[in-house]
Amino acid sequence: MGTIGTVVVVVGAVALAVAAVLQLRGGPLPFPAIITGAVTCSLCYIVAGASQNDSDLPSVPTVVGSAVGVMTIGAMIISLVPRSPDRDDNRRSPIWLAASGTLLGSVGLLAHTFL
């Protein structure tokens, strides 16, 4: 990738990491974290497609993007499971799962860019 592409990837990865930390500190709704996880997965696949890898092995953004996608889908499934009204409605596990996927994706993008 060129210089401008590298700057865009680094800024995007840092912005996604900041968004994940803010979502961990935020409210009880899981869908902003799930959407951020989906955007992170997409950015990982875009970077993987733009990078030229001569190896037969998958690149770091491909592997990390797949992991982020699985974590995001898991968070979505957990958030859609119905709960009884007498239980606590403040369920944070989908937010933690999606935000940790976002952090994993941003670290993977930064590792691919700088290593």
N, C-alpha and C. Protein backbone atom coordinates (compact mmCIF):
# COMPACT_ATOMS: atom_id res chain seq x y z
N MET A 1 0.84 -1.18 0.00
CA MET A 1 0.00 0.00 0.00
C MET A 1 0.88 1.24 0.00
N GLY A 2 0.30 2.30 -0.51
CA GLY A 2 1.03 3.56 -0.56
C GLY A 2 1.00 4.29 0.76
N THR A 3 1.58 5.46 0.76
CA THR A 3 1.67 6.24 1.98
C THR A 3 0.30 6.72 2.45
N ILE A 4 -0.53 7.18 1.52
CA ILE A 4 -1.86 7.66 1.91
C ILE A 4 -2.71 6.50 2.42
N GLY A 5 -2.60 5.36 1.77
CA GLY A 5 -3.34 4.19 2.23
C GLY A 5 -2.93 3.75 3.62
N THR A 6 -1.65 3.83 3.90
CA THR A 6 -1.16 3.47 5.23
C THR A 6 -1.69 4.42 6.29
N VAL A 7 -1.70 5.70 5.97
CA VAL A 7 -2.23 6.69 6.93
C VAL A 7 -3.72 6.46 7.17
N VAL A 8 -4.47 6.16 6.12
CA VAL A 8 -5.90 5.91 6.27
C VAL A 8 -6.15 4.68 7.13
N VAL A 9 -5.37 3.63 6.93
CA VAL A 9 -5.55 2.41 7.72
C VAL A 9 -5.19 2.66 9.18
N VAL A 10 -4.12 3.37 9.44
CA VAL A 10 -3.71 3.65 10.83
C VAL A 10 -4.75 4.53 11.52
N VAL A 11 -5.21 5.56 10.85
CA VAL A 11 -6.23 6.44 11.45
C VAL A 11 -7.53 5.67 11.69
N GLY A 12 -7.91 4.84 10.73
CA GLY A 12 -9.12 4.03 10.90
C GLY A 12 -9.00 3.04 12.04
N ALA A 13 -7.85 2.39 12.17
CA ALA A 13 -7.64 1.43 13.25
C ALA A 13 -7.67 2.11 14.61
N VAL A 14 -7.04 3.26 14.72
CA VAL A 14 -7.05 4.00 15.99
C VAL A 14 -8.46 4.50 16.31
N ALA A 15 -9.18 4.97 15.31
CA ALA A 15 -10.55 5.43 15.53
C ALA A 15 -11.46 4.28 15.97
N LEU A 16 -11.28 3.11 15.39
CA LEU A 16 -12.07 1.95 15.80
C LEU A 16 -11.73 1.52 17.22
N ALA A 17 -10.45 1.59 17.60
CA ALA A 17 -10.06 1.23 18.97
C ALA A 17 -10.67 2.21 19.98
N VAL A 18 -10.65 3.49 19.64
CA VAL A 18 -11.26 4.50 20.53
C VAL A 18 -12.76 4.28 20.63
N ALA A 19 -13.40 3.96 19.51
CA ALA A 19 -14.84 3.70 19.53
C ALA A 19 -15.17 2.49 20.39
N ALA A 20 -14.34 1.45 20.33
CA ALA A 20 -14.59 0.26 21.14
C ALA A 20 -14.47 0.57 22.64
N VAL A 21 -13.47 1.35 23.00
CA VAL A 21 -13.31 1.72 24.42
C VAL A 21 -14.49 2.57 24.88
N LEU A 22 -14.93 3.50 24.04
CA LEU A 22 -16.09 4.32 24.41
C LEU A 22 -17.36 3.50 24.53
N GLN A 23 -17.50 2.49 23.70
CA GLN A 23 -18.69 1.64 23.77
C GLN A 23 -18.68 0.76 25.02
N LEU A 24 -17.50 0.38 25.47
CA LEU A 24 -17.42 -0.38 26.72
C LEU A 24 -17.84 0.46 27.91
N ARG A 25 -17.60 1.75 27.82
CA ARG A 25 -17.97 2.65 28.91
C ARG A 25 -19.38 3.20 28.75
N GLY A 26 -20.03 2.94 27.62
CA GLY A 26 -21.30 3.55 27.27
C GLY A 26 -22.51 2.84 27.85
N GLY A 27 -23.62 3.06 27.18
CA GLY A 27 -24.91 2.59 27.63
C GLY A 27 -25.15 1.10 27.42
N PRO A 28 -26.38 0.66 27.69
CA PRO A 28 -26.68 -0.77 27.69
C PRO A 28 -27.02 -1.35 26.31
N LEU A 29 -27.16 -0.52 25.29
CA LEU A 29 -27.55 -1.04 23.98
C LEU A 29 -26.36 -1.67 23.26
N PRO A 30 -26.50 -2.91 22.77
CA PRO A 30 -25.36 -3.59 22.16
C PRO A 30 -25.18 -3.29 20.67
N PHE A 31 -26.16 -2.72 20.02
CA PHE A 31 -26.08 -2.62 18.57
C PHE A 31 -25.05 -1.63 18.03
N PRO A 32 -24.73 -0.53 18.72
CA PRO A 32 -23.59 0.27 18.23
C PRO A 32 -22.27 -0.51 18.24
N ALA A 33 -22.06 -1.33 19.25
CA ALA A 33 -20.84 -2.14 19.29
C ALA A 33 -20.85 -3.20 18.20
N ILE A 34 -22.00 -3.76 17.91
CA ILE A 34 -22.11 -4.76 16.85
C ILE A 34 -21.86 -4.13 15.49
N ILE A 35 -22.39 -2.96 15.27
CA ILE A 35 -22.16 -2.27 13.99
C ILE A 35 -20.69 -1.90 13.84
N THR A 36 -20.06 -1.46 14.92
CA THR A 36 -18.63 -1.14 14.87
C THR A 36 -17.80 -2.39 14.59
N GLY A 37 -18.20 -3.52 15.14
CA GLY A 37 -17.52 -4.78 14.84
C GLY A 37 -17.65 -5.17 13.38
N ALA A 38 -18.83 -4.94 12.81
CA ALA A 38 -19.02 -5.25 11.39
C ALA A 38 -18.18 -4.33 10.50
N VAL A 39 -18.08 -3.07 10.88
CA VAL A 39 -17.24 -2.13 10.12
C VAL A 39 -15.77 -2.53 10.23
N THR A 40 -15.35 -2.99 11.41
CA THR A 40 -13.97 -3.44 11.59
C THR A 40 -13.68 -4.66 10.72
N CYS A 41 -14.61 -5.59 10.68
CA CYS A 41 -14.45 -6.77 9.83
C CYS A 41 -14.33 -6.37 8.37
N SER A 42 -15.16 -5.44 7.93
CA SER A 42 -15.10 -4.97 6.55
C SER A 42 -13.78 -4.29 6.24
N LEU A 43 -13.30 -3.45 7.15
CA LEU A 43 -12.03 -2.78 6.94
C LEU A 43 -10.87 -3.77 6.88
N CYS A 44 -10.93 -4.81 7.71
CA CYS A 44 -9.88 -5.84 7.65
C CYS A 44 -9.87 -6.53 6.30
N TYR A 45 -11.04 -6.85 5.76
CA TYR A 45 -11.10 -7.51 4.46
C TYR A 45 -10.68 -6.57 3.33
N ILE A 46 -10.99 -5.30 3.44
CA ILE A 46 -10.56 -4.34 2.42
C ILE A 46 -9.05 -4.23 2.42
N VAL A 47 -8.45 -4.14 3.59
CA VAL A 47 -6.98 -4.06 3.67
C VAL A 47 -6.35 -5.36 3.16
N ALA A 48 -6.96 -6.49 3.49
CA ALA A 48 -6.42 -7.77 3.02
C ALA A 48 -6.49 -7.88 1.51
N GLY A 49 -7.53 -7.35 0.91
CA GLY A 49 -7.64 -7.39 -0.54
C GLY A 49 -6.71 -6.42 -1.23
N ALA A 50 -6.39 -5.33 -0.56
CA ALA A 50 -5.51 -4.32 -1.17
C ALA A 50 -4.05 -4.67 -1.01
N SER A 51 -3.72 -5.47 -0.01
CA SER A 51 -2.31 -5.81 0.19
C SER A 51 -1.93 -6.96 -0.73
N GLN A 52 -0.73 -6.90 -1.25
CA GLN A 52 -0.25 -7.94 -2.14
C GLN A 52 0.57 -8.93 -1.35
N ASN A 53 0.07 -10.13 -1.27
CA ASN A 53 0.73 -11.17 -0.50
C ASN A 53 1.09 -12.30 -1.46
N ASP A 54 2.38 -12.58 -1.61
CA ASP A 54 2.81 -13.63 -2.52
C ASP A 54 2.77 -15.01 -1.88
N SER A 55 2.50 -15.08 -0.61
CA SER A 55 2.49 -16.35 0.10
C SER A 55 1.17 -17.08 -0.13
N ASP A 56 1.19 -18.39 0.08
CA ASP A 56 -0.03 -19.18 0.01
C ASP A 56 -0.85 -19.08 1.28
N LEU A 57 -0.25 -18.55 2.33
CA LEU A 57 -0.93 -18.40 3.61
C LEU A 57 -1.80 -17.16 3.60
N PRO A 58 -2.89 -17.14 4.37
CA PRO A 58 -3.71 -15.93 4.45
C PRO A 58 -2.97 -14.83 5.19
N SER A 59 -3.29 -13.59 4.86
CA SER A 59 -2.63 -12.47 5.50
C SER A 59 -3.23 -12.23 6.89
N VAL A 60 -2.55 -11.40 7.67
CA VAL A 60 -3.00 -11.09 9.02
C VAL A 60 -4.40 -10.44 9.01
N PRO A 61 -4.68 -9.46 8.13
CA PRO A 61 -6.02 -8.88 8.13
C PRO A 61 -7.12 -9.89 7.77
N THR A 62 -6.81 -10.87 6.95
CA THR A 62 -7.82 -11.88 6.61
C THR A 62 -8.17 -12.72 7.83
N VAL A 63 -7.17 -13.17 8.56
CA VAL A 63 -7.41 -13.99 9.74
C VAL A 63 -8.11 -13.19 10.83
N VAL A 64 -7.63 -11.98 11.05
CA VAL A 64 -8.22 -11.13 12.09
C VAL A 64 -9.64 -10.72 11.70
N GLY A 65 -9.86 -10.41 10.42
CA GLY A 65 -11.20 -10.06 9.97
C GLY A 65 -12.19 -11.20 10.15
N SER A 66 -11.73 -12.42 9.92
CA SER A 66 -12.60 -13.58 10.14
C SER A 66 -12.94 -13.74 11.62
N ALA A 67 -11.95 -13.57 12.48
CA ALA A 67 -12.21 -13.67 13.93
C ALA A 67 -13.16 -12.58 14.40
N VAL A 68 -12.97 -11.37 13.89
CA VAL A 68 -13.86 -10.26 14.27
C VAL A 68 -15.28 -10.53 13.78
N GLY A 69 -15.40 -11.07 12.58
CA GLY A 69 -16.73 -11.39 12.07
C GLY A 69 -17.44 -12.43 12.90
N VAL A 70 -16.73 -13.48 13.32
CA VAL A 70 -17.33 -14.51 14.16
C VAL A 70 -17.73 -13.94 15.52
N MET A 71 -16.88 -13.10 16.08
CA MET A 71 -17.20 -12.49 17.38
C MET A 71 -18.40 -11.55 17.27
N THR A 72 -18.50 -10.83 16.16
CA THR A 72 -19.62 -9.93 15.97
C THR A 72 -20.93 -10.69 15.80
N ILE A 73 -20.89 -11.76 15.03
CA ILE A 73 -22.10 -12.58 14.86
C ILE A 73 -22.49 -13.23 16.19
N GLY A 74 -21.50 -13.66 16.96
CA GLY A 74 -21.81 -14.20 18.29
C GLY A 74 -22.45 -13.17 19.20
N ALA A 75 -21.95 -11.95 19.15
CA ALA A 75 -22.55 -10.88 19.96
C ALA A 75 -23.98 -10.58 19.51
N MET A 76 -24.20 -10.65 18.20
CA MET A 76 -25.55 -10.40 17.69
C MET A 76 -26.51 -11.50 18.15
N ILE A 77 -26.07 -12.74 18.10
CA ILE A 77 -26.93 -13.84 18.53
C ILE A 77 -27.22 -13.75 20.02
N ILE A 78 -26.21 -13.44 20.82
CA ILE A 78 -26.42 -13.30 22.26
C ILE A 78 -27.39 -12.17 22.57
N SER A 79 -27.29 -11.06 21.81
CA SER A 79 -28.17 -9.93 22.10
C SER A 79 -29.61 -10.18 21.68
N LEU A 80 -29.83 -11.12 20.77
CA LEU A 80 -31.19 -11.40 20.32
C LEU A 80 -31.90 -12.51 21.08
N VAL A 81 -31.21 -13.16 22.00
CA VAL A 81 -31.82 -14.21 22.80
C VAL A 81 -32.79 -13.57 23.77
N PRO A 82 -34.05 -14.01 23.76
CA PRO A 82 -35.03 -13.39 24.67
C PRO A 82 -34.75 -13.75 26.13
N ARG A 83 -35.11 -12.81 26.99
CA ARG A 83 -34.92 -13.00 28.43
C ARG A 83 -36.23 -12.76 29.14
N SER A 84 -36.36 -13.38 30.29
CA SER A 84 -37.58 -13.17 31.07
C SER A 84 -37.55 -11.78 31.70
N PRO A 85 -38.72 -11.16 31.90
CA PRO A 85 -38.75 -9.78 32.43
C PRO A 85 -38.24 -9.65 33.85
N ASP A 86 -38.26 -10.71 34.64
CA ASP A 86 -37.81 -10.58 36.03
C ASP A 86 -36.28 -10.63 36.16
N ARG A 87 -35.57 -10.98 35.08
CA ARG A 87 -34.11 -10.97 35.12
C ARG A 87 -33.59 -9.57 34.84
N ASP A 88 -32.34 -9.36 35.16
CA ASP A 88 -31.72 -8.06 34.93
C ASP A 88 -31.61 -7.79 33.44
N ASP A 89 -32.07 -6.62 32.98
CA ASP A 89 -32.06 -6.28 31.56
C ASP A 89 -30.72 -5.70 31.11
N ASN A 90 -29.83 -5.45 32.03
CA ASN A 90 -28.55 -4.84 31.69
C ASN A 90 -27.53 -5.93 31.38
N ARG A 91 -27.63 -6.50 30.19
CA ARG A 91 -26.73 -7.57 29.77
C ARG A 91 -25.59 -6.95 28.96
N ARG A 92 -24.37 -7.08 29.44
CA ARG A 92 -23.23 -6.43 28.81
C ARG A 92 -22.36 -7.38 27.98
N SER A 93 -22.64 -8.67 28.00
CA SER A 93 -21.77 -9.61 27.29
C SER A 93 -21.73 -9.39 25.78
N PRO A 94 -22.83 -9.01 25.09
CA PRO A 94 -22.68 -8.73 23.66
C PRO A 94 -21.81 -7.51 23.39
N ILE A 95 -21.87 -6.52 24.26
CA ILE A 95 -21.04 -5.33 24.09
C ILE A 95 -19.57 -5.69 24.28
N TRP A 96 -19.28 -6.48 25.31
CA TRP A 96 -17.90 -6.89 25.55
C TRP A 96 -17.37 -7.74 24.41
N LEU A 97 -18.18 -8.63 23.88
CA LEU A 97 -17.73 -9.51 22.80
C LEU A 97 -17.47 -8.71 21.52
N ALA A 98 -18.39 -7.84 21.15
CA ALA A 98 -18.22 -7.05 19.93
C ALA A 98 -17.09 -6.03 20.07
N ALA A 99 -16.97 -5.41 21.23
CA ALA A 99 -15.90 -4.43 21.43
C ALA A 99 -14.53 -5.10 21.48
N SER A 100 -14.45 -6.29 22.05
CA SER A 100 -13.16 -6.98 22.04
C SER A 100 -12.80 -7.43 20.64
N GLY A 101 -13.78 -7.78 19.82
CA GLY A 101 -13.51 -8.06 18.42
C GLY A 101 -13.01 -6.84 17.68
N THR A 102 -13.59 -5.69 17.98
CA THR A 102 -13.14 -4.44 17.36
C THR A 102 -11.70 -4.12 17.77
N LEU A 103 -11.39 -4.30 19.04
CA LEU A 103 -10.02 -4.07 19.49
C LEU A 103 -9.04 -5.06 18.85
N LEU A 104 -9.45 -6.31 18.72
CA LEU A 104 -8.61 -7.30 18.06
C LEU A 104 -8.37 -6.92 16.60
N GLY A 105 -9.41 -6.46 15.93
CA GLY A 105 -9.26 -6.05 14.54
C GLY A 105 -8.36 -4.85 14.38
N SER A 106 -8.48 -3.88 15.27
CA SER A 106 -7.63 -2.70 15.15
C SER A 106 -6.17 -3.03 15.45
N VAL A 107 -5.93 -3.92 16.40
CA VAL A 107 -4.55 -4.35 16.67
C VAL A 107 -4.00 -5.14 15.49
N GLY A 108 -4.82 -5.97 14.87
CA GLY A 108 -4.38 -6.71 13.70
C GLY A 108 -4.06 -5.81 12.52
N LEU A 109 -4.87 -4.78 12.33
CA LEU A 109 -4.59 -3.83 11.25
C LEU A 109 -3.29 -3.07 11.50
N LEU A 110 -3.09 -2.65 12.74
CA LEU A 110 -1.85 -1.95 13.07
C LEU A 110 -0.64 -2.87 12.94
N ALA A 111 -0.79 -4.13 13.34
CA ALA A 111 0.32 -5.08 13.21
C ALA A 111 0.65 -5.33 11.75
N HIS A 112 -0.38 -5.42 10.92
CA HIS A 112 -0.14 -5.63 9.48
C HIS A 112 0.52 -4.41 8.85
N THR A 113 0.15 -3.24 9.30
CA THR A 113 0.70 -2.02 8.72
C THR A 113 2.15 -1.82 9.12
N PHE A 114 2.48 -2.07 10.38
CA PHE A 114 3.81 -1.73 10.86
C PHE A 114 4.80 -2.90 10.86
N LEU A 115 4.32 -4.13 10.72
CA LEU A 115 5.24 -5.28 10.73
C LEU A 115 5.41 -5.87 9.35
